[in-house]
Amino acid sequence: MIRGQKLVEPSNRPLSPHLGIYKWGPAMLVSILHRATGDALALLGAPILVWWLYSISAGPESYEFFVGIMTTIPGFIVMIGMTFALFEHTYSGLRHFVLDAGAGYELQTNKLWSAAVPVLALLSTAALWFFISSKLIG
């Protein structure tokens, strides 16, 4: 104990809520996904983008190496994941933009848009990769 300071006495005040008492809903899922996809885009997507841009500028051999890595099964999995992250983060950001404007706070509207964000991200990812695969296959 430092001289002149009192110890904190225990009180009967309520503690911070624990995660166990929250009822999971679409808004919580979208909030967590928004943070996770933002981290994924920053920590994995940005270096891949820089690597791609560098490989284009470094010449045909460098670009062939990049394409060789990214067209493997793990490369496709990473790129599909990054595509989902981009769409989910974008749609969630648009949802936050609308909420910041003061709209969409009604309970049913908020639940609807919160549930729609991951569904739209999945559908957009599937549509884009269907288009890409149709071009790759011929």
N, C-alpha and C. Protein backbone atom coordinates (compact mmCIF):
# COMPACT_ATOMS: atom_id res chain seq x y z
N MET A 1 0.84 -1.17 0.00
CA MET A 1 0.00 0.00 0.00
C MET A 1 0.89 1.24 0.00
N ILE A 2 0.55 2.16 -0.87
CA ILE A 2 1.29 3.42 -0.93
C ILE A 2 0.74 4.33 0.15
N ARG A 3 1.65 5.07 0.77
CA ARG A 3 1.24 5.93 1.87
C ARG A 3 0.20 6.95 1.40
N GLY A 4 -0.86 7.09 2.13
CA GLY A 4 -1.88 8.08 1.84
C GLY A 4 -3.02 7.55 0.98
N GLN A 5 -2.90 6.33 0.45
CA GLN A 5 -3.98 5.78 -0.38
C GLN A 5 -4.75 4.75 0.42
N LYS A 6 -6.07 4.73 0.18
CA LYS A 6 -6.91 3.77 0.86
C LYS A 6 -7.13 2.57 -0.07
N LEU A 7 -7.30 1.42 0.51
CA LEU A 7 -7.67 0.24 -0.27
C LEU A 7 -9.11 0.37 -0.72
N VAL A 8 -9.40 -0.16 -1.87
CA VAL A 8 -10.77 -0.11 -2.38
C VAL A 8 -11.60 -1.12 -1.62
N GLU A 9 -12.68 -0.64 -1.08
CA GLU A 9 -13.59 -1.51 -0.34
C GLU A 9 -14.52 -2.22 -1.31
N PRO A 10 -14.79 -3.49 -1.07
CA PRO A 10 -15.76 -4.18 -1.94
C PRO A 10 -17.15 -3.55 -1.78
N SER A 11 -17.88 -3.51 -2.88
CA SER A 11 -19.22 -2.92 -2.82
C SER A 11 -20.20 -3.89 -3.45
N ASN A 12 -21.47 -3.54 -3.34
CA ASN A 12 -22.52 -4.36 -3.92
C ASN A 12 -22.95 -3.86 -5.29
N ARG A 13 -22.13 -3.01 -5.89
CA ARG A 13 -22.47 -2.51 -7.22
C ARG A 13 -22.41 -3.66 -8.23
N PRO A 14 -23.25 -3.59 -9.27
CA PRO A 14 -23.20 -4.67 -10.27
C PRO A 14 -21.88 -4.63 -11.05
N LEU A 15 -21.42 -5.80 -11.44
CA LEU A 15 -20.21 -5.92 -12.23
C LEU A 15 -20.55 -5.72 -13.71
N SER A 16 -19.54 -5.58 -14.52
CA SER A 16 -19.76 -5.48 -15.97
C SER A 16 -20.44 -6.75 -16.45
N PRO A 17 -21.31 -6.62 -17.45
CA PRO A 17 -21.99 -7.81 -17.95
C PRO A 17 -21.00 -8.80 -18.55
N HIS A 18 -21.25 -10.05 -18.32
CA HIS A 18 -20.42 -11.11 -18.89
C HIS A 18 -21.04 -11.57 -20.21
N LEU A 19 -20.20 -12.10 -21.09
CA LEU A 19 -20.70 -12.54 -22.39
C LEU A 19 -21.82 -13.56 -22.27
N GLY A 20 -21.85 -14.28 -21.17
CA GLY A 20 -22.87 -15.30 -20.99
C GLY A 20 -24.28 -14.78 -20.88
N ILE A 21 -24.46 -13.51 -20.52
CA ILE A 21 -25.81 -13.01 -20.38
C ILE A 21 -26.32 -12.33 -21.65
N TYR A 22 -25.44 -12.10 -22.62
CA TYR A 22 -25.89 -11.49 -23.87
C TYR A 22 -26.57 -12.54 -24.73
N LYS A 23 -27.62 -12.13 -25.41
CA LYS A 23 -28.29 -13.02 -26.35
C LYS A 23 -27.70 -12.77 -27.72
N TRP A 24 -27.11 -13.82 -28.31
CA TRP A 24 -26.48 -13.67 -29.61
C TRP A 24 -27.52 -13.33 -30.66
N GLY A 25 -27.15 -12.42 -31.53
CA GLY A 25 -28.02 -12.02 -32.62
C GLY A 25 -27.20 -11.67 -33.83
N PRO A 26 -27.88 -11.39 -34.93
CA PRO A 26 -27.17 -11.08 -36.17
C PRO A 26 -26.28 -9.85 -36.05
N ALA A 27 -26.69 -8.85 -35.28
CA ALA A 27 -25.88 -7.64 -35.16
C ALA A 27 -24.55 -7.93 -34.49
N MET A 28 -24.54 -8.82 -33.49
CA MET A 28 -23.28 -9.19 -32.84
C MET A 28 -22.38 -9.93 -33.80
N LEU A 29 -22.95 -10.86 -34.58
CA LEU A 29 -22.17 -11.61 -35.56
C LEU A 29 -21.56 -10.68 -36.59
N VAL A 30 -22.35 -9.75 -37.11
CA VAL A 30 -21.86 -8.83 -38.13
C VAL A 30 -20.78 -7.92 -37.56
N SER A 31 -20.93 -7.51 -36.32
CA SER A 31 -19.92 -6.67 -35.69
C SER A 31 -18.59 -7.41 -35.57
N ILE A 32 -18.64 -8.65 -35.12
CA ILE A 32 -17.43 -9.45 -34.98
C ILE A 32 -16.82 -9.74 -36.35
N LEU A 33 -17.67 -10.09 -37.32
CA LEU A 33 -17.17 -10.34 -38.68
C LEU A 33 -16.55 -9.10 -39.29
N HIS A 34 -17.12 -7.93 -39.00
CA HIS A 34 -16.58 -6.69 -39.54
C HIS A 34 -15.15 -6.47 -39.02
N ARG A 35 -14.95 -6.70 -37.75
CA ARG A 35 -13.61 -6.54 -37.18
C ARG A 35 -12.66 -7.60 -37.72
N ALA A 36 -13.11 -8.85 -37.78
CA ALA A 36 -12.25 -9.94 -38.25
C ALA A 36 -11.88 -9.77 -39.72
N THR A 37 -12.85 -9.39 -40.55
CA THR A 37 -12.53 -9.22 -41.97
C THR A 37 -11.66 -7.99 -42.20
N GLY A 38 -11.84 -6.96 -41.40
CA GLY A 38 -10.94 -5.80 -41.50
C GLY A 38 -9.52 -6.18 -41.16
N ASP A 39 -9.35 -6.97 -40.11
CA ASP A 39 -8.02 -7.46 -39.75
C ASP A 39 -7.44 -8.34 -40.85
N ALA A 40 -8.25 -9.24 -41.39
CA ALA A 40 -7.78 -10.14 -42.46
C ALA A 40 -7.35 -9.35 -43.69
N LEU A 41 -8.13 -8.35 -44.05
CA LEU A 41 -7.77 -7.53 -45.21
C LEU A 41 -6.49 -6.76 -44.97
N ALA A 42 -6.32 -6.26 -43.76
CA ALA A 42 -5.12 -5.47 -43.45
C ALA A 42 -3.88 -6.34 -43.31
N LEU A 43 -4.01 -7.48 -42.64
CA LEU A 43 -2.85 -8.30 -42.33
C LEU A 43 -2.48 -9.29 -43.43
N LEU A 44 -3.44 -9.72 -44.22
CA LEU A 44 -3.16 -10.70 -45.27
C LEU A 44 -3.45 -10.13 -46.66
N GLY A 45 -4.56 -9.44 -46.80
CA GLY A 45 -4.93 -8.93 -48.12
C GLY A 45 -4.01 -7.85 -48.63
N ALA A 46 -3.60 -6.92 -47.78
CA ALA A 46 -2.72 -5.83 -48.22
C ALA A 46 -1.35 -6.35 -48.66
N PRO A 47 -0.72 -7.26 -47.90
CA PRO A 47 0.55 -7.79 -48.40
C PRO A 47 0.42 -8.56 -49.72
N ILE A 48 -0.69 -9.28 -49.89
CA ILE A 48 -0.90 -9.98 -51.16
C ILE A 48 -1.06 -8.97 -52.29
N LEU A 49 -1.80 -7.91 -52.05
CA LEU A 49 -1.97 -6.86 -53.07
C LEU A 49 -0.63 -6.22 -53.43
N VAL A 50 0.18 -5.93 -52.42
CA VAL A 50 1.50 -5.33 -52.67
C VAL A 50 2.38 -6.32 -53.44
N TRP A 51 2.33 -7.60 -53.05
CA TRP A 51 3.10 -8.63 -53.76
C TRP A 51 2.67 -8.71 -55.22
N TRP A 52 1.36 -8.67 -55.47
CA TRP A 52 0.83 -8.73 -56.84
C TRP A 52 1.31 -7.52 -57.65
N LEU A 53 1.19 -6.33 -57.08
CA LEU A 53 1.63 -5.13 -57.78
C LEU A 53 3.14 -5.16 -58.03
N TYR A 54 3.91 -5.63 -57.05
CA TYR A 54 5.35 -5.74 -57.24
C TYR A 54 5.68 -6.74 -58.34
N SER A 55 4.98 -7.88 -58.34
CA SER A 55 5.27 -8.90 -59.35
C SER A 55 4.96 -8.41 -60.75
N ILE A 56 3.94 -7.56 -60.88
CA ILE A 56 3.64 -6.98 -62.19
C ILE A 56 4.79 -6.06 -62.63
N SER A 57 5.29 -5.27 -61.71
CA SER A 57 6.33 -4.29 -62.07
C SER A 57 7.71 -4.93 -62.21
N ALA A 58 7.92 -6.10 -61.59
CA ALA A 58 9.25 -6.72 -61.61
C ALA A 58 9.51 -7.54 -62.86
N GLY A 59 8.51 -7.77 -63.67
CA GLY A 59 8.75 -8.49 -64.92
C GLY A 59 7.98 -9.79 -65.02
N PRO A 60 8.04 -10.41 -66.20
CA PRO A 60 7.25 -11.62 -66.46
C PRO A 60 7.59 -12.80 -65.54
N GLU A 61 8.86 -12.98 -65.20
CA GLU A 61 9.23 -14.12 -64.35
C GLU A 61 8.62 -13.98 -62.95
N SER A 62 8.68 -12.77 -62.42
CA SER A 62 8.11 -12.51 -61.10
C SER A 62 6.59 -12.70 -61.11
N TYR A 63 5.95 -12.22 -62.16
CA TYR A 63 4.50 -12.36 -62.26
C TYR A 63 4.11 -13.82 -62.42
N GLU A 64 4.88 -14.58 -63.21
CA GLU A 64 4.61 -16.03 -63.37
C GLU A 64 4.73 -16.75 -62.03
N PHE A 65 5.72 -16.36 -61.22
CA PHE A 65 5.88 -16.96 -59.90
C PHE A 65 4.67 -16.67 -59.03
N PHE A 66 4.21 -15.42 -59.03
CA PHE A 66 3.02 -15.04 -58.26
C PHE A 66 1.80 -15.84 -58.71
N VAL A 67 1.59 -15.88 -60.01
CA VAL A 67 0.43 -16.62 -60.54
C VAL A 67 0.55 -18.10 -60.22
N GLY A 68 1.76 -18.64 -60.29
CA GLY A 68 1.97 -20.05 -59.95
C GLY A 68 1.58 -20.36 -58.51
N ILE A 69 1.91 -19.45 -57.60
CA ILE A 69 1.55 -19.65 -56.19
C ILE A 69 0.04 -19.48 -55.98
N MET A 70 -0.52 -18.45 -56.57
CA MET A 70 -1.93 -18.13 -56.30
C MET A 70 -2.91 -19.03 -57.05
N THR A 71 -2.46 -19.81 -58.00
CA THR A 71 -3.37 -20.72 -58.70
C THR A 71 -3.28 -22.14 -58.18
N THR A 72 -2.63 -22.32 -57.03
CA THR A 72 -2.68 -23.62 -56.35
C THR A 72 -3.95 -23.67 -55.52
N ILE A 73 -4.28 -24.84 -55.01
CA ILE A 73 -5.48 -24.98 -54.17
C ILE A 73 -5.41 -24.06 -52.94
N PRO A 74 -4.30 -24.04 -52.18
CA PRO A 74 -4.25 -23.10 -51.05
C PRO A 74 -4.35 -21.64 -51.51
N GLY A 75 -3.78 -21.32 -52.65
CA GLY A 75 -3.87 -19.96 -53.17
C GLY A 75 -5.30 -19.57 -53.48
N PHE A 76 -6.04 -20.51 -54.10
CA PHE A 76 -7.46 -20.23 -54.39
C PHE A 76 -8.25 -20.08 -53.10
N ILE A 77 -7.96 -20.90 -52.10
CA ILE A 77 -8.67 -20.80 -50.83
C ILE A 77 -8.43 -19.43 -50.19
N VAL A 78 -7.18 -18.99 -50.21
CA VAL A 78 -6.86 -17.67 -49.65
C VAL A 78 -7.58 -16.57 -50.44
N MET A 79 -7.55 -16.66 -51.75
CA MET A 79 -8.17 -15.61 -52.56
C MET A 79 -9.70 -15.60 -52.41
N ILE A 80 -10.31 -16.76 -52.30
CA ILE A 80 -11.76 -16.80 -52.07
C ILE A 80 -12.07 -16.22 -50.69
N GLY A 81 -11.25 -16.56 -49.69
CA GLY A 81 -11.44 -15.99 -48.36
C GLY A 81 -11.27 -14.48 -48.35
N MET A 82 -10.28 -13.98 -49.09
CA MET A 82 -10.09 -12.53 -49.17
C MET A 82 -11.25 -11.86 -49.90
N THR A 83 -11.81 -12.54 -50.90
CA THR A 83 -12.96 -11.99 -51.60
C THR A 83 -14.16 -11.89 -50.67
N PHE A 84 -14.40 -12.97 -49.89
CA PHE A 84 -15.48 -12.91 -48.91
C PHE A 84 -15.24 -11.79 -47.90
N ALA A 85 -14.00 -11.67 -47.42
CA ALA A 85 -13.68 -10.63 -46.44
C ALA A 85 -13.95 -9.24 -47.02
N LEU A 86 -13.57 -9.05 -48.27
CA LEU A 86 -13.79 -7.75 -48.91
C LEU A 86 -15.28 -7.43 -49.03
N PHE A 87 -16.07 -8.39 -49.51
CA PHE A 87 -17.51 -8.15 -49.65
C PHE A 87 -18.17 -7.97 -48.28
N GLU A 88 -17.84 -8.83 -47.32
CA GLU A 88 -18.47 -8.72 -46.00
C GLU A 88 -18.12 -7.40 -45.34
N HIS A 89 -16.86 -7.01 -45.42
CA HIS A 89 -16.43 -5.76 -44.79
C HIS A 89 -17.08 -4.56 -45.49
N THR A 90 -17.20 -4.63 -46.79
CA THR A 90 -17.84 -3.54 -47.54
C THR A 90 -19.32 -3.42 -47.18
N TYR A 91 -20.05 -4.53 -47.22
CA TYR A 91 -21.48 -4.49 -46.91
C TYR A 91 -21.72 -4.08 -45.46
N SER A 92 -20.88 -4.57 -44.56
CA SER A 92 -21.01 -4.18 -43.16
C SER A 92 -20.68 -2.70 -42.98
N GLY A 93 -19.69 -2.22 -43.71
CA GLY A 93 -19.36 -0.79 -43.65
C GLY A 93 -20.50 0.07 -44.16
N LEU A 94 -21.17 -0.38 -45.22
CA LEU A 94 -22.34 0.35 -45.72
C LEU A 94 -23.46 0.36 -44.69
N ARG A 95 -23.64 -0.78 -44.01
CA ARG A 95 -24.65 -0.85 -42.95
C ARG A 95 -24.31 0.14 -41.83
N HIS A 96 -23.04 0.20 -41.45
CA HIS A 96 -22.62 1.17 -40.42
C HIS A 96 -22.81 2.60 -40.90
N PHE A 97 -22.58 2.84 -42.17
CA PHE A 97 -22.76 4.18 -42.72
C PHE A 97 -24.23 4.61 -42.58
N VAL A 98 -25.14 3.69 -42.88
CA VAL A 98 -26.57 4.00 -42.75
C VAL A 98 -26.92 4.23 -41.28
N LEU A 99 -26.38 3.39 -40.39
CA LEU A 99 -26.63 3.58 -38.96
C LEU A 99 -26.07 4.91 -38.47
N ASP A 100 -24.90 5.29 -38.96
CA ASP A 100 -24.32 6.58 -38.56
C ASP A 100 -25.15 7.75 -39.05
N ALA A 101 -25.89 7.54 -40.11
CA ALA A 101 -26.77 8.60 -40.62
C ALA A 101 -28.05 8.69 -39.80
N GLY A 102 -28.26 7.74 -38.88
CA GLY A 102 -29.41 7.78 -37.98
C GLY A 102 -30.57 6.91 -38.42
N ALA A 103 -30.37 6.10 -39.45
CA ALA A 103 -31.45 5.25 -39.94
C ALA A 103 -31.15 3.79 -39.59
N GLY A 104 -32.19 2.96 -39.61
CA GLY A 104 -32.01 1.52 -39.45
C GLY A 104 -31.88 1.04 -38.02
N TYR A 105 -32.25 1.84 -37.06
CA TYR A 105 -32.14 1.41 -35.67
C TYR A 105 -33.38 0.66 -35.17
N GLU A 106 -34.43 0.61 -35.97
CA GLU A 106 -35.61 -0.16 -35.57
C GLU A 106 -35.18 -1.62 -35.44
N LEU A 107 -35.71 -2.32 -34.46
CA LEU A 107 -35.23 -3.66 -34.14
C LEU A 107 -35.32 -4.60 -35.34
N GLN A 108 -36.46 -4.66 -35.99
CA GLN A 108 -36.62 -5.59 -37.12
C GLN A 108 -35.75 -5.19 -38.31
N THR A 109 -35.63 -3.90 -38.56
CA THR A 109 -34.79 -3.43 -39.67
C THR A 109 -33.33 -3.76 -39.39
N ASN A 110 -32.89 -3.53 -38.17
CA ASN A 110 -31.51 -3.82 -37.81
C ASN A 110 -31.22 -5.32 -37.93
N LYS A 111 -32.14 -6.15 -37.46
CA LYS A 111 -31.95 -7.60 -37.57
C LYS A 111 -31.92 -8.04 -39.03
N LEU A 112 -32.81 -7.47 -39.84
CA LEU A 112 -32.86 -7.83 -41.25
C LEU A 112 -31.56 -7.50 -41.97
N TRP A 113 -31.07 -6.27 -41.80
CA TRP A 113 -29.84 -5.86 -42.48
C TRP A 113 -28.63 -6.58 -41.90
N SER A 114 -28.65 -6.87 -40.61
CA SER A 114 -27.55 -7.61 -40.01
C SER A 114 -27.49 -9.03 -40.55
N ALA A 115 -28.64 -9.65 -40.73
CA ALA A 115 -28.66 -11.01 -41.28
C ALA A 115 -28.34 -11.00 -42.78
N ALA A 116 -28.69 -9.92 -43.46
CA ALA A 116 -28.46 -9.84 -44.91
C ALA A 116 -26.99 -9.66 -45.26
N VAL A 117 -26.21 -9.03 -44.39
CA VAL A 117 -24.81 -8.73 -44.71
C VAL A 117 -24.01 -10.00 -45.02
N PRO A 118 -23.95 -11.02 -44.15
CA PRO A 118 -23.16 -12.20 -44.49
C PRO A 118 -23.74 -12.99 -45.66
N VAL A 119 -25.07 -12.97 -45.79
CA VAL A 119 -25.70 -13.68 -46.92
C VAL A 119 -25.32 -13.00 -48.23
N LEU A 120 -25.41 -11.68 -48.27
CA LEU A 120 -25.01 -10.95 -49.48
C LEU A 120 -23.53 -11.15 -49.79
N ALA A 121 -22.70 -11.19 -48.75
CA ALA A 121 -21.27 -11.41 -48.95
C ALA A 121 -21.01 -12.80 -49.54
N LEU A 122 -21.69 -13.80 -49.02
CA LEU A 122 -21.54 -15.16 -49.57
C LEU A 122 -22.03 -15.24 -51.01
N LEU A 123 -23.18 -14.65 -51.29
CA LEU A 123 -23.71 -14.67 -52.66
C LEU A 123 -22.81 -13.91 -53.62
N SER A 124 -22.30 -12.76 -53.19
CA SER A 124 -21.40 -11.98 -54.04
C SER A 124 -20.10 -12.72 -54.31
N THR A 125 -19.56 -13.36 -53.27
CA THR A 125 -18.33 -14.14 -53.43
C THR A 125 -18.56 -15.29 -54.39
N ALA A 126 -19.67 -16.01 -54.21
CA ALA A 126 -19.97 -17.14 -55.09
C ALA A 126 -20.16 -16.66 -56.53
N ALA A 127 -20.86 -15.56 -56.72
CA ALA A 127 -21.09 -15.06 -58.08
C ALA A 127 -19.78 -14.63 -58.74
N LEU A 128 -18.93 -13.94 -58.00
CA LEU A 128 -17.66 -13.50 -58.58
C LEU A 128 -16.78 -14.68 -58.93
N TRP A 129 -16.67 -15.66 -58.03
CA TRP A 129 -15.81 -16.80 -58.31
C TRP A 129 -16.42 -17.73 -59.35
N PHE A 130 -17.74 -17.76 -59.50
CA PHE A 130 -18.34 -18.49 -60.61
C PHE A 130 -17.94 -17.83 -61.93
N PHE A 131 -17.99 -16.50 -61.96
CA PHE A 131 -17.56 -15.77 -63.16
C PHE A 131 -16.09 -16.01 -63.45
N ILE A 132 -15.25 -15.93 -62.43
CA ILE A 132 -13.81 -16.15 -62.62
C ILE A 132 -13.53 -17.57 -63.10
N SER A 133 -14.19 -18.54 -62.49
CA SER A 133 -13.94 -19.94 -62.89
C SER A 133 -14.44 -20.20 -64.30
N SER A 134 -15.52 -19.55 -64.70
CA SER A 134 -16.00 -19.75 -66.07
C SER A 134 -15.01 -19.18 -67.08
N LYS A 135 -14.31 -18.11 -66.71
CA LYS A 135 -13.27 -17.54 -67.58
C LYS A 135 -12.02 -18.40 -67.57
N LEU A 136 -11.68 -18.98 -66.42
CA LEU A 136 -10.47 -19.81 -66.31
C LEU A 136 -10.65 -21.13 -67.05
N ILE A 137 -11.84 -21.72 -66.93
CA ILE A 137 -12.09 -23.03 -67.55
C ILE A 137 -12.29 -22.87 -69.06
N GLY A 138 -12.89 -21.78 -69.42
CA GLY A 138 -13.03 -21.51 -70.84
C GLY A 138 -14.44 -21.50 -71.21
